[in-house]
Amino acid sequence: MPRIPKTPTLAVTDPILLWLLIHGGDPAPDERTARLSASLAIQSLATHLSAGAAREVRATVGKEIAAAARAFEQG
């Protein structure tokens, strides 16, 4: 009987990593979507950092999310 590879625990607990494992990191359909998706992914992953580091990342990523959202408005 073939050995079944063990799924890493992180893949089960981290929805972004799980999505990447399932979909293979398919590229976004355009640059604006890619920019916004990457920013949101970074913001989500920052929740696992220490409080100080997460606060610093959130401040920077918040600006990037706002800029990416404005790019959608300008369309």
C-alpha atoms as a PDB file:
ATOM      1  CA  MET A   1       0.000   0.000   0.000  1.00  0.00           C
ATOM      2  CA  PRO A   2       1.484   3.408  -0.971  1.00  0.00           C
ATOM      3  CA  ARG A   3       2.388   5.788   1.807  1.00  0.00           C
ATOM      4  CA  ILE A   4       0.088   8.821   2.047  1.00  0.00           C
ATOM      5  CA  PRO A   5       2.025  12.059   2.645  1.00  0.00           C
ATOM      6  CA  LYS A   6       1.187  13.829   5.888  1.00  0.00           C
ATOM      7  CA  THR A   7      -0.517  17.204   5.446  1.00  0.00           C
ATOM      8  CA  PRO A   8       1.386  19.916   7.318  1.00  0.00           C
ATOM      9  CA  THR A   9      -0.611  21.283  10.255  1.00  0.00           C
ATOM     10  CA  LEU A  10       0.058  24.817   9.018  1.00  0.00           C
ATOM     11  CA  ALA A  11      -1.745  23.990   5.756  1.00  0.00           C
ATOM     12  CA  VAL A  12      -4.862  23.158   7.709  1.00  0.00           C
ATOM     13  CA  THR A  13      -4.735  26.192  10.013  1.00  0.00           C
ATOM     14  CA  ASP A  14      -3.633  28.826   7.460  1.00  0.00           C
ATOM     15  CA  PRO A  15      -6.354  29.420   4.840  1.00  0.00           C
ATOM     16  CA  ILE A  16      -4.035  31.305   2.460  1.00  0.00           C
ATOM     17  CA  LEU A  17      -1.448  28.534   2.469  1.00  0.00           C
ATOM     18  CA  LEU A  18      -4.201  25.971   2.005  1.00  0.00           C
ATOM     19  CA  TRP A  19      -5.559  27.902  -0.988  1.00  0.00           C
ATOM     20  CA  LEU A  20      -2.073  28.088  -2.525  1.00  0.00           C
ATOM     21  CA  LEU A  21      -1.585  24.348  -2.046  1.00  0.00           C
ATOM     22  CA  ILE A  22      -4.935  23.605  -3.689  1.00  0.00           C
ATOM     23  CA  HIS A  23      -4.730  26.058  -6.568  1.00  0.00           C
ATOM     24  CA  GLY A  24      -0.991  26.166  -7.103  1.00  0.00           C
ATOM     25  CA  GLY A  25      -0.770  29.914  -6.742  1.00  0.00           C
ATOM     26  CA  ASP A  26      -2.688  30.738  -9.920  1.00  0.00           C
ATOM     27  CA  PRO A  27      -1.857  34.301 -10.938  1.00  0.00           C
ATOM     28  CA  ALA A  28      -4.419  37.042 -10.529  1.00  0.00           C
ATOM     29  CA  PRO A  29      -6.242  38.100 -13.708  1.00  0.00           C
ATOM     30  CA  ASP A  30      -4.685  41.585 -13.698  1.00  0.00           C
ATOM     31  CA  GLU A  31      -2.134  43.716 -11.872  1.00  0.00           C
ATOM     32  CA  ARG A  32      -4.678  45.623  -9.760  1.00  0.00           C
ATOM     33  CA  THR A  33      -6.213  42.407  -8.452  1.00  0.00           C
ATOM     34  CA  ALA A  34      -2.774  40.930  -7.780  1.00  0.00           C
ATOM     35  CA  ARG A  35      -1.729  44.023  -5.823  1.00  0.00           C
ATOM     36  CA  LEU A  36      -4.859  44.015  -3.681  1.00  0.00           C
ATOM     37  CA  SER A  37      -4.770  40.235  -3.138  1.00  0.00           C
ATOM     38  CA  ALA A  38      -1.118  40.303  -2.086  1.00  0.00           C
ATOM     39  CA  SER A  39      -1.768  43.161   0.346  1.00  0.00           C
ATOM     40  CA  LEU A  40      -4.738  41.380   1.913  1.00  0.00           C
ATOM     41  CA  ALA A  41      -2.728  38.146   2.185  1.00  0.00           C
ATOM     42  CA  ILE A  42       0.120  39.940   3.948  1.00  0.00           C
ATOM     43  CA  GLN A  43      -2.344  41.612   6.310  1.00  0.00           C
ATOM     44  CA  SER A  44      -3.919  38.260   7.131  1.00  0.00           C
ATOM     45  CA  LEU A  45      -0.593  36.538   7.706  1.00  0.00           C
ATOM     46  CA  ALA A  46       0.592  39.378   9.951  1.00  0.00           C
ATOM     47  CA  THR A  47      -1.893  38.311  12.610  1.00  0.00           C
ATOM     48  CA  HIS A  48       0.535  35.516  13.529  1.00  0.00           C
ATOM     49  CA  LEU A  49       3.349  37.977  14.340  1.00  0.00           C
ATOM     50  CA  SER A  50       4.125  39.566  17.666  1.00  0.00           C
ATOM     51  CA  ALA A  51       1.973  42.558  18.597  1.00  0.00           C
ATOM     52  CA  GLY A  52       4.637  45.146  17.705  1.00  0.00           C
ATOM     53  CA  ALA A  53       5.543  43.547  14.390  1.00  0.00           C
ATOM     54  CA  ALA A  54       1.880  43.059  13.447  1.00  0.00           C
ATOM     55  CA  ARG A  55       1.158  46.715  14.218  1.00  0.00           C
ATOM     56  CA  GLU A  56       4.046  47.815  11.967  1.00  0.00           C
ATOM     57  CA  VAL A  57       2.960  45.542   9.119  1.00  0.00           C
ATOM     58  CA  ARG A  58      -0.678  46.640   9.428  1.00  0.00           C
ATOM     59  CA  ALA A  59       0.324  50.303   9.135  1.00  0.00           C
ATOM     60  CA  THR A  60       2.309  49.708   5.953  1.00  0.00           C
ATOM     61  CA  VAL A  61      -0.120  47.240   4.415  1.00  0.00           C
ATOM     62  CA  GLY A  62      -3.081  49.482   5.220  1.00  0.00           C
ATOM     63  CA  LYS A  63      -1.568  52.174   3.002  1.00  0.00           C
ATOM     64  CA  GLU A  64      -0.989  49.639   0.222  1.00  0.00           C
ATOM     65  CA  ILE A  65      -4.564  48.325   0.460  1.00  0.00           C
ATOM     66  CA  ALA A  66      -5.888  51.893   0.228  1.00  0.00           C
ATOM     67  CA  ALA A  67      -3.686  52.610  -2.800  1.00  0.00           C
ATOM     68  CA  ALA A  68      -4.734  49.363  -4.489  1.00  0.00           C
ATOM     69  CA  ALA A  69      -8.404  50.156  -3.833  1.00  0.00           C
ATOM     70  CA  ARG A  70      -7.942  53.619  -5.357  1.00  0.00           C
ATOM     71  CA  ALA A  71      -6.434  51.969  -8.461  1.00  0.00           C
ATOM     72  CA  PHE A  72      -9.707  50.024  -8.842  1.00  0.00           C
ATOM     73  CA  GLU A  73     -11.728  53.241  -8.559  1.00  0.00           C
ATOM     74  CA  GLN A  74      -9.624  54.935 -11.242  1.00  0.00           C
ATOM     75  CA  GLY A  75     -10.096  51.811 -13.307  1.00  0.00           C
END
